[in-house]
Amino acid sequence: MSETYAFLFCLGLGIIGRFLYMGESLLAKRTDILPVTVILDMLVVIVVGGAFTLYVILTGSVLAPYMFAALFGGYYITYKLTARSAIKN
């Protein structure tokens, strides 16, 4: 059962990571300053990576490939659902 919880947590973390990145991108476009963009990108990585690391450490779960697949899968699914289609003229 703990593998199911780990999978669902990583899937949710991927979804949250995508929404954080979308918000960060909007804020970075608004400021249009490179150091702000770099700092916001680093903060998104630290939040998602830190949450993943804390989950693994605090639950004592074994680091497994399905956790990374769920993390990237959650991000990718959300990316596909929120991506704007590019219209070429």
Protein backbone atom coordinates (compact mmCIF):
# COMPACT_ATOMS: atom_id res chain seq x y z
CA MET A 1 0.00 0.00 0.00
CA SER A 2 2.89 2.37 0.65
CA GLU A 3 3.89 2.06 -3.01
CA THR A 4 0.44 3.29 -3.99
CA TYR A 5 0.76 6.29 -1.70
CA ALA A 6 4.22 7.04 -3.06
CA PHE A 7 2.92 6.82 -6.63
CA LEU A 8 -0.03 9.12 -5.93
CA PHE A 9 2.16 11.60 -4.05
CA CYS A 10 4.67 11.76 -6.91
CA LEU A 11 1.90 12.08 -9.49
CA GLY A 12 0.36 14.95 -7.52
CA LEU A 13 3.76 16.54 -7.06
CA GLY A 14 4.27 16.50 -10.83
CA ILE A 15 0.91 18.21 -11.33
CA ILE A 16 1.70 20.81 -8.67
CA GLY A 17 5.12 21.34 -10.24
CA ARG A 18 3.55 22.16 -13.59
CA PHE A 19 1.15 24.68 -12.06
CA LEU A 20 4.02 26.27 -10.12
CA TYR A 21 6.00 26.54 -13.33
CA MET A 22 3.06 28.09 -15.16
CA GLY A 23 2.69 30.73 -12.45
CA GLU A 24 6.41 31.34 -12.44
CA SER A 25 6.44 31.79 -16.21
CA LEU A 26 3.68 34.38 -16.07
CA LEU A 27 5.51 36.29 -13.34
CA ALA A 28 8.81 36.09 -15.23
CA LYS A 29 7.18 37.43 -18.42
CA ARG A 30 5.68 40.27 -16.44
CA THR A 31 9.03 41.37 -14.99
CA ASP A 32 11.08 40.48 -18.11
CA ILE A 33 14.32 40.51 -16.10
CA LEU A 34 16.70 37.57 -16.55
CA PRO A 35 17.90 37.30 -12.90
CA VAL A 36 14.28 37.19 -11.70
CA THR A 37 13.52 34.42 -14.19
CA VAL A 38 16.54 32.39 -13.09
CA ILE A 39 15.70 32.81 -9.40
CA LEU A 40 12.06 31.81 -9.94
CA ASP A 41 13.11 28.74 -11.96
CA MET A 42 15.45 27.72 -9.16
CA LEU A 43 12.70 28.17 -6.57
CA VAL A 44 10.34 25.89 -8.51
CA VAL A 45 13.04 23.21 -8.72
CA ILE A 46 13.86 23.56 -5.02
CA VAL A 47 10.20 23.31 -3.98
CA VAL A 48 9.43 20.24 -6.10
CA GLY A 49 12.77 18.53 -5.50
CA GLY A 50 12.66 19.34 -1.79
CA ALA A 51 9.15 17.96 -1.41
CA PHE A 52 10.16 14.78 -3.23
CA THR A 53 13.28 14.37 -1.11
CA LEU A 54 11.44 15.06 2.14
CA TYR A 55 8.78 12.51 1.25
CA VAL A 56 11.39 9.83 0.62
CA ILE A 57 13.30 10.64 3.81
CA LEU A 58 10.33 11.08 6.15
CA THR A 59 8.41 8.01 5.00
CA GLY A 60 11.49 5.82 4.73
CA SER A 61 10.35 4.57 1.36
CA VAL A 62 12.73 2.93 -1.04
CA LEU A 63 13.63 5.13 -4.00
CA ALA A 64 12.16 3.39 -7.03
CA PRO A 65 11.93 4.18 -10.75
CA TYR A 66 8.12 4.33 -10.65
CA MET A 67 8.35 7.37 -8.37
CA PHE A 68 10.31 9.30 -10.99
CA ALA A 69 7.99 8.03 -13.72
CA ALA A 70 4.96 9.22 -11.74
CA LEU A 71 6.58 12.62 -11.10
CA PHE A 72 7.39 13.17 -14.75
CA GLY A 73 4.10 11.61 -15.84
CA GLY A 74 2.09 14.02 -13.69
CA TYR A 75 4.03 16.94 -15.12
CA TYR A 76 3.63 15.68 -18.69
CA ILE A 77 -0.11 15.01 -18.39
CA THR A 78 -0.67 18.48 -16.99
CA TYR A 79 1.57 19.95 -19.70
CA LYS A 80 -0.49 18.29 -22.42
CA LEU A 81 -3.77 19.42 -20.85
CA THR A 82 -2.65 23.04 -20.36
CA ALA A 83 -0.51 23.57 -23.46
CA ARG A 84 -1.72 26.10 -25.95
CA SER A 85 -1.81 24.88 -29.50
CA ALA A 86 0.52 26.77 -31.80
CA ILE A 87 -1.29 28.09 -34.83
CA LYS A 88 1.03 28.55 -37.77
CA ASN A 89 0.12 31.01 -40.47
